Amino acid sequence: MSEALSKPRNVSYTLCKLNDWTERRLIDTNPEFQRDIVWNSTKQCHLIDSIINNYYIPPILFSCKIRWK
């Protein structure tokens, strides 16, 4: 039997920090279960506009996996 999922936690990070982690490949943006791109260019532009104008963006959910060395 697999282990139970850990309790979710609410943590806030800046867009700059998330971008840094993505560039350093600490965030896997293409896991096996990730669906293909579903937003067209217009929707992607609207998201960028919302970020620039500091509009509310719903939470982004991440699944964390600890890598033991």
PDB file of N, CA and C in Angstrom:
ATOM      1  N   MET A   1       0.848  -1.172   0.000  1.00  0.00           N
ATOM      2  CA  MET A   1       0.000   0.000   0.000  1.00  0.00           C
ATOM      3  C   MET A   1       0.896   1.240   0.000  1.00  0.00           C
ATOM      4  N   SER A   2       0.565   2.212  -0.815  1.00  0.00           N
ATOM      5  CA  SER A   2       1.371   3.428  -0.887  1.00  0.00           C
ATOM      6  C   SER A   2       1.097   4.324   0.314  1.00  0.00           C
ATOM      7  N   GLU A   3       2.038   5.225   0.546  1.00  0.00           N
ATOM      8  CA  GLU A   3       1.895   6.150   1.662  1.00  0.00           C
ATOM      9  C   GLU A   3       0.796   7.169   1.370  1.00  0.00           C
ATOM     10  N   ALA A   4       0.189   7.667   2.423  1.00  0.00           N
ATOM     11  CA  ALA A   4      -0.840   8.694   2.271  1.00  0.00           C
ATOM     12  C   ALA A   4      -0.200   9.994   1.806  1.00  0.00           C
ATOM     13  N   LEU A   5      -0.963  10.791   1.097  1.00  0.00           N
ATOM     14  CA  LEU A   5      -0.472  12.093   0.671  1.00  0.00           C
ATOM     15  C   LEU A   5      -0.261  12.983   1.885  1.00  0.00           C
ATOM     16  N   SER A   6       0.756  13.816   1.810  1.00  0.00           N
ATOM     17  CA  SER A   6       0.971  14.761   2.902  1.00  0.00           C
ATOM     18  C   SER A   6      -0.097  15.851   2.840  1.00  0.00           C
ATOM     19  N   LYS A   7      -0.311  16.504   3.959  1.00  0.00           N
ATOM     20  CA  LYS A   7      -1.321  17.558   4.012  1.00  0.00           C
ATOM     21  C   LYS A   7      -0.877  18.724   3.136  1.00  0.00           C
ATOM     22  N   PRO A   8      -1.813  19.319   2.399  1.00  0.00           N
ATOM     23  CA  PRO A   8      -1.439  20.473   1.574  1.00  0.00           C
ATOM     24  C   PRO A   8      -1.057  21.657   2.452  1.00  0.00           C
ATOM     25  N   ARG A   9      -0.201  22.498   1.913  1.00  0.00           N
ATOM     26  CA  ARG A   9       0.176  23.709   2.634  1.00  0.00           C
ATOM     27  C   ARG A   9       0.107  24.889   1.682  1.00  0.00           C
ATOM     28  N   ASN A  10      -0.236  26.022   2.218  1.00  0.00           N
ATOM     29  CA  ASN A  10      -0.387  27.239   1.432  1.00  0.00           C
ATOM     30  C   ASN A  10       0.885  28.063   1.566  1.00  0.00           C
ATOM     31  N   VAL A  11       1.608  28.219   0.461  1.00  0.00           N
ATOM     32  CA  VAL A  11       2.852  28.976   0.450  1.00  0.00           C
ATOM     33  C   VAL A  11       2.806  29.935  -0.727  1.00  0.00           C
ATOM     34  N   SER A  12       3.267  31.143  -0.518  1.00  0.00           N
ATOM     35  CA  SER A  12       3.302  32.127  -1.604  1.00  0.00           C
ATOM     36  C   SER A  12       4.738  32.380  -2.043  1.00  0.00           C
ATOM     37  N   TYR A  13       4.933  32.408  -3.357  1.00  0.00           N
ATOM     38  CA  TYR A  13       6.236  32.725  -3.930  1.00  0.00           C
ATOM     39  C   TYR A  13       6.045  33.789  -4.994  1.00  0.00           C
ATOM     40  N   THR A  14       7.066  34.589  -5.199  1.00  0.00           N
ATOM     41  CA  THR A  14       6.990  35.603  -6.241  1.00  0.00           C
ATOM     42  C   THR A  14       7.136  34.941  -7.607  1.00  0.00           C
ATOM     43  N   LEU A  15       6.648  35.627  -8.617  1.00  0.00           N
ATOM     44  CA  LEU A  15       6.808  35.152  -9.981  1.00  0.00           C
ATOM     45  C   LEU A  15       8.286  35.053 -10.333  1.00  0.00           C
ATOM     46  N   CYS A  16       9.067  35.984  -9.828  1.00  0.00           N
ATOM     47  CA  CYS A  16      10.515  35.978 -10.068  1.00  0.00           C
ATOM     48  C   CYS A  16      11.145  34.700  -9.505  1.00  0.00           C
ATOM     49  N   LYS A  17      10.742  34.308  -8.298  1.00  0.00           N
ATOM     50  CA  LYS A  17      11.279  33.096  -7.672  1.00  0.00           C
ATOM     51  C   LYS A  17      10.873  31.856  -8.465  1.00  0.00           C
ATOM     52  N   LEU A  18       9.620  31.778  -8.885  1.00  0.00           N
ATOM     53  CA  LEU A  18       9.166  30.633  -9.677  1.00  0.00           C
ATOM     54  C   LEU A  18       9.908  30.561 -11.004  1.00  0.00           C
ATOM     55  N   ASN A  19      10.139  31.708 -11.620  1.00  0.00           N
ATOM     56  CA  ASN A  19      10.889  31.744 -12.871  1.00  0.00           C
ATOM     57  C   ASN A  19      12.322  31.261 -12.653  1.00  0.00           C
ATOM     58  N   ASP A  20      12.938  31.702 -11.574  1.00  0.00           N
ATOM     59  CA  ASP A  20      14.297  31.265 -11.249  1.00  0.00           C
ATOM     60  C   ASP A  20      14.352  29.752 -11.080  1.00  0.00           C
ATOM     61  N   TRP A  21      13.406  29.204 -10.340  1.00  0.00           N
ATOM     62  CA  TRP A  21      13.383  27.755 -10.131  1.00  0.00           C
ATOM     63  C   TRP A  21      13.151  27.009 -11.438  1.00  0.00           C
ATOM     64  N   THR A  22      12.337  27.577 -12.306  1.00  0.00           N
ATOM     65  CA  THR A  22      12.085  26.944 -13.600  1.00  0.00           C
ATOM     66  C   THR A  22      13.356  26.946 -14.440  1.00  0.00           C
ATOM     67  N   GLU A  23      14.052  28.067 -14.477  1.00  0.00           N
ATOM     68  CA  GLU A  23      15.296  28.153 -15.247  1.00  0.00           C
ATOM     69  C   GLU A  23      16.361  27.215 -14.705  1.00  0.00           C
ATOM     70  N   ARG A  24      16.377  27.013 -13.393  1.00  0.00           N
ATOM     71  CA  ARG A  24      17.351  26.102 -12.776  1.00  0.00           C
ATOM     72  C   ARG A  24      16.864  24.648 -12.793  1.00  0.00           C
ATOM     73  N   ARG A  25      15.724  24.426 -13.429  1.00  0.00           N
ATOM     74  CA  ARG A  25      15.117  23.101 -13.574  1.00  0.00           C
ATOM     75  C   ARG A  25      14.757  22.453 -12.235  1.00  0.00           C
ATOM     76  N   LEU A  26      14.424  23.290 -11.278  1.00  0.00           N
ATOM     77  CA  LEU A  26      13.942  22.784  -9.997  1.00  0.00           C
ATOM     78  C   LEU A  26      12.440  22.539 -10.046  1.00  0.00           C
ATOM     79  N   ILE A  27      11.794  23.106 -11.061  1.00  0.00           N
ATOM     80  CA  ILE A  27      10.378  22.854 -11.316  1.00  0.00           C
ATOM     81  C   ILE A  27      10.289  22.144 -12.657  1.00  0.00           C
ATOM     82  N   ASP A  28       9.689  20.973 -12.652  1.00  0.00           N
ATOM     83  CA  ASP A  28       9.502  20.204 -13.886  1.00  0.00           C
ATOM     84  C   ASP A  28       8.224  20.691 -14.554  1.00  0.00           C
ATOM     85  N   THR A  29       8.383  21.409 -15.658  1.00  0.00           N
ATOM     86  CA  THR A  29       7.215  21.955 -16.353  1.00  0.00           C
ATOM     87  C   THR A  29       6.647  20.991 -17.386  1.00  0.00           C
ATOM     88  N   ASN A  30       7.236  19.825 -17.491  1.00  0.00           N
ATOM     89  CA  ASN A  30       6.751  18.858 -18.479  1.00  0.00           C
ATOM     90  C   ASN A  30       6.764  17.430 -17.916  1.00  0.00           C
ATOM     91  N   PRO A  31       6.090  17.198 -16.784  1.00  0.00           N
ATOM     92  CA  PRO A  31       6.040  15.837 -16.247  1.00  0.00           C
ATOM     93  C   PRO A  31       5.187  14.934 -17.144  1.00  0.00           C
ATOM     94  N   GLU A  32       5.292  13.642 -16.928  1.00  0.00           N
ATOM     95  CA  GLU A  32       4.569  12.667 -17.760  1.00  0.00           C
ATOM     96  C   GLU A  32       3.065  12.917 -17.773  1.00  0.00           C
ATOM     97  N   PHE A  33       2.514  13.367 -16.667  1.00  0.00           N
ATOM     98  CA  PHE A  33       1.063  13.538 -16.569  1.00  0.00           C
ATOM     99  C   PHE A  33       0.584  14.907 -17.042  1.00  0.00           C
ATOM    100  N   GLN A  34       1.497  15.810 -17.420  1.00  0.00           N
ATOM    101  CA  GLN A  34       1.109  17.159 -17.852  1.00  0.00           C
ATOM    102  C   GLN A  34       0.428  17.099 -19.211  1.00  0.00           C
ATOM    103  N   ARG A  35      -0.692  17.763 -19.332  1.00  0.00           N
ATOM    104  CA  ARG A  35      -1.391  17.800 -20.618  1.00  0.00           C
ATOM    105  C   ARG A  35      -0.676  18.760 -21.573  1.00  0.00           C
ATOM    106  N   ASP A  36      -0.993  18.651 -22.845  1.00  0.00           N
ATOM    107  CA  ASP A  36      -0.406  19.545 -23.840  1.00  0.00           C
ATOM    108  C   ASP A  36      -0.940  20.963 -23.653  1.00  0.00           C
ATOM    109  N   ILE A  37      -0.359  21.900 -24.364  1.00  0.00           N
ATOM    110  CA  ILE A  37      -0.810  23.294 -24.297  1.00  0.00           C
ATOM    111  C   ILE A  37      -2.265  23.369 -24.751  1.00  0.00           C
ATOM    112  N   VAL A  38      -3.102  23.982 -23.925  1.00  0.00           N
ATOM    113  CA  VAL A  38      -4.526  24.074 -24.262  1.00  0.00           C
ATOM    114  C   VAL A  38      -4.992  25.515 -24.428  1.00  0.00           C
ATOM    115  N   TRP A  39      -4.160  26.475 -24.075  1.00  0.00           N
ATOM    116  CA  TRP A  39      -4.533  27.877 -24.232  1.00  0.00           C
ATOM    117  C   TRP A  39      -4.018  28.387 -25.566  1.00  0.00           C
ATOM    118  N   ASN A  40      -4.880  29.082 -26.285  1.00  0.00           N
ATOM    119  CA  ASN A  40      -4.424  29.698 -27.531  1.00  0.00           C
ATOM    120  C   ASN A  40      -3.613  30.959 -27.199  1.00  0.00           C
ATOM    121  N   SER A  41      -3.040  31.573 -28.217  1.00  0.00           N
ATOM    122  CA  SER A  41      -2.174  32.747 -28.020  1.00  0.00           C
ATOM    123  C   SER A  41      -2.896  33.902 -27.337  1.00  0.00           C
ATOM    124  N   THR A  42      -4.155  34.104 -27.667  1.00  0.00           N
ATOM    125  CA  THR A  42      -4.921  35.197 -27.065  1.00  0.00           C
ATOM    126  C   THR A  42      -5.059  35.001 -25.562  1.00  0.00           C
ATOM    127  N   LYS A  43      -5.402  33.793 -25.142  1.00  0.00           N
ATOM    128  CA  LYS A  43      -5.546  33.522 -23.710  1.00  0.00           C
ATOM    129  C   LYS A  43      -4.209  33.656 -22.986  1.00  0.00           C
ATOM    130  N   GLN A  44      -3.134  33.223 -23.626  1.00  0.00           N
ATOM    131  CA  GLN A  44      -1.809  33.361 -23.024  1.00  0.00           C
ATOM    132  C   GLN A  44      -1.458  34.838 -22.842  1.00  0.00           C
ATOM    133  N   CYS A  45      -1.778  35.660 -23.841  1.00  0.00           N
ATOM    134  CA  CYS A  45      -1.528  37.107 -23.754  1.00  0.00           C
ATOM    135  C   CYS A  45      -2.354  37.746 -22.646  1.00  0.00           C
ATOM    136  N   HIS A  46      -3.585  37.288 -22.473  1.00  0.00           N
ATOM    137  CA  HIS A  46      -4.427  37.831 -21.406  1.00  0.00           C
ATOM    138  C   HIS A  46      -3.860  37.487 -20.029  1.00  0.00           C
ATOM    139  N   LEU A  47      -3.306  36.310 -19.889  1.00  0.00           N
ATOM    140  CA  LEU A  47      -2.682  35.949 -18.614  1.00  0.00           C
ATOM    141  C   LEU A  47      -1.495  36.868 -18.333  1.00  0.00           C
ATOM    142  N   ILE A  48      -0.655  37.071 -19.320  1.00  0.00           N
ATOM    143  CA  ILE A  48       0.501  37.960 -19.152  1.00  0.00           C
ATOM    144  C   ILE A  48       0.036  39.372 -18.803  1.00  0.00           C
ATOM    145  N   ASP A  49      -0.997  39.848 -19.476  1.00  0.00           N
ATOM    146  CA  ASP A  49      -1.557  41.167 -19.185  1.00  0.00           C
ATOM    147  C   ASP A  49      -2.068  41.239 -17.744  1.00  0.00           C
ATOM    148  N   SER A  50      -2.713  40.185 -17.288  1.00  0.00           N
ATOM    149  CA  SER A  50      -3.220  40.148 -15.912  1.00  0.00           C
ATOM    150  C   SER A  50      -2.075  40.219 -14.905  1.00  0.00           C
ATOM    151  N   ILE A  51      -0.997  39.518 -15.189  1.00  0.00           N
ATOM    152  CA  ILE A  51       0.165  39.545 -14.293  1.00  0.00           C
ATOM    153  C   ILE A  51       0.765  40.946 -14.259  1.00  0.00           C
ATOM    154  N   ILE A  52       0.960  41.540 -15.426  1.00  0.00           N
ATOM    155  CA  ILE A  52       1.552  42.880 -15.514  1.00  0.00           C
ATOM    156  C   ILE A  52       0.695  43.909 -14.786  1.00  0.00           C
ATOM    157  N   ASN A  53      -0.621  43.791 -14.898  1.00  0.00           N
ATOM    158  CA  ASN A  53      -1.533  44.759 -14.288  1.00  0.00           C
ATOM    159  C   ASN A  53      -1.950  44.399 -12.865  1.00  0.00           C
ATOM    160  N   ASN A  54      -1.307  43.377 -12.329  1.00  0.00           N
ATOM    161  CA  ASN A  54      -1.534  42.967 -10.943  1.00  0.00           C
ATOM    162  C   ASN A  54      -2.983  42.570 -10.669  1.00  0.00           C
ATOM    163  N   TYR A  55      -3.622  41.932 -11.653  1.00  0.00           N
ATOM    164  CA  TYR A  55      -4.961  41.395 -11.457  1.00  0.00           C
ATOM    165  C   TYR A  55      -4.858  40.069 -10.703  1.00  0.00           C
ATOM    166  N   TYR A  56      -5.956  39.677 -10.114  1.00  0.00           N
ATOM    167  CA  TYR A  56      -5.979  38.414  -9.378  1.00  0.00           C
ATOM    168  C   TYR A  56      -5.742  37.240 -10.324  1.00  0.00           C
ATOM    169  N   ILE A  57      -4.833  36.373  -9.931  1.00  0.00           N
ATOM    170  CA  ILE A  57      -4.569  35.125 -10.648  1.00  0.00           C
ATOM    171  C   ILE A  57      -4.880  33.994  -9.666  1.00  0.00           C
ATOM    172  N   PRO A  58      -5.710  33.043 -10.048  1.00  0.00           N
ATOM    173  CA  PRO A  58      -5.999  31.935  -9.133  1.00  0.00           C
ATOM    174  C   PRO A  58      -4.723  31.185  -8.755  1.00  0.00           C
ATOM    175  N   PRO A  59      -4.749  30.487  -7.642  1.00  0.00           N
ATOM    176  CA  PRO A  59      -3.559  29.755  -7.204  1.00  0.00           C
ATOM    177  C   PRO A  59      -3.087  28.745  -8.247  1.00  0.00           C
ATOM    178  N   ILE A  60      -1.792  28.548  -8.259  1.00  0.00           N
ATOM    179  CA  ILE A  60      -1.172  27.512  -9.087  1.00  0.00           C
ATOM    180  C   ILE A  60      -0.802  26.379  -8.142  1.00  0.00           C
ATOM    181  N   LEU A  61      -1.183  25.179  -8.488  1.00  0.00           N
ATOM    182  CA  LEU A  61      -0.933  24.035  -7.619  1.00  0.00           C
ATOM    183  C   LEU A  61       0.282  23.255  -8.098  1.00  0.00           C
ATOM    184  N   PHE A  62       1.125  22.889  -7.152  1.00  0.00           N
ATOM    185  CA  PHE A  62       2.305  22.091  -7.441  1.00  0.00           C
ATOM    186  C   PHE A  62       2.271  20.830  -6.595  1.00  0.00           C
ATOM    187  N   SER A  63       2.805  19.783  -7.142  1.00  0.00           N
ATOM    188  CA  SER A  63       3.031  18.567  -6.380  1.00  0.00           C
ATOM    189  C   SER A  63       4.522  18.511  -6.092  1.00  0.00           C
ATOM    190  N   CYS A  64       4.870  18.325  -4.835  1.00  0.00           N
ATOM    191  CA  CYS A  64       6.286  18.314  -4.447  1.00  0.00           C
ATOM    192  C   CYS A  64       6.771  16.885  -4.277  1.00  0.00           C
ATOM    193  N   LYS A  65       7.963  16.660  -4.794  1.00  0.00           N
ATOM    194  CA  LYS A  65       8.593  15.357  -4.623  1.00  0.00           C
ATOM    195  C   LYS A  65       9.989  15.606  -4.070  1.00  0.00           C
ATOM    196  N   ILE A  66      10.296  14.978  -2.973  1.00  0.00           N
ATOM    197  CA  ILE A  66      11.614  15.136  -2.369  1.00  0.00           C
ATOM    198  C   ILE A  66      12.559  14.141  -3.025  1.00  0.00           C
ATOM    199  N   ARG A  67      13.676  14.649  -3.485  1.00  0.00           N
ATOM    200  CA  ARG A  67      14.688  13.778  -4.090  1.00  0.00           C
ATOM    201  C   ARG A  67      15.794  13.528  -3.072  1.00  0.00           C
ATOM    202  N   TRP A  68      15.929  12.307  -2.678  1.00  0.00           N
ATOM    203  CA  TRP A  68      16.971  11.942  -1.720  1.00  0.00           C
ATOM    204  C   TRP A  68      18.248  11.633  -2.467  1.00  0.00           C
ATOM    205  N   LYS A  69      19.353  12.140  -1.950  1.00  0.00           N
ATOM    206  CA  LYS A  69      20.654  11.893  -2.591  1.00  0.00           C
ATOM    207  C   LYS A  69      21.447  10.889  -1.799  1.00  0.00           C
TER     208      LYS A  69
END
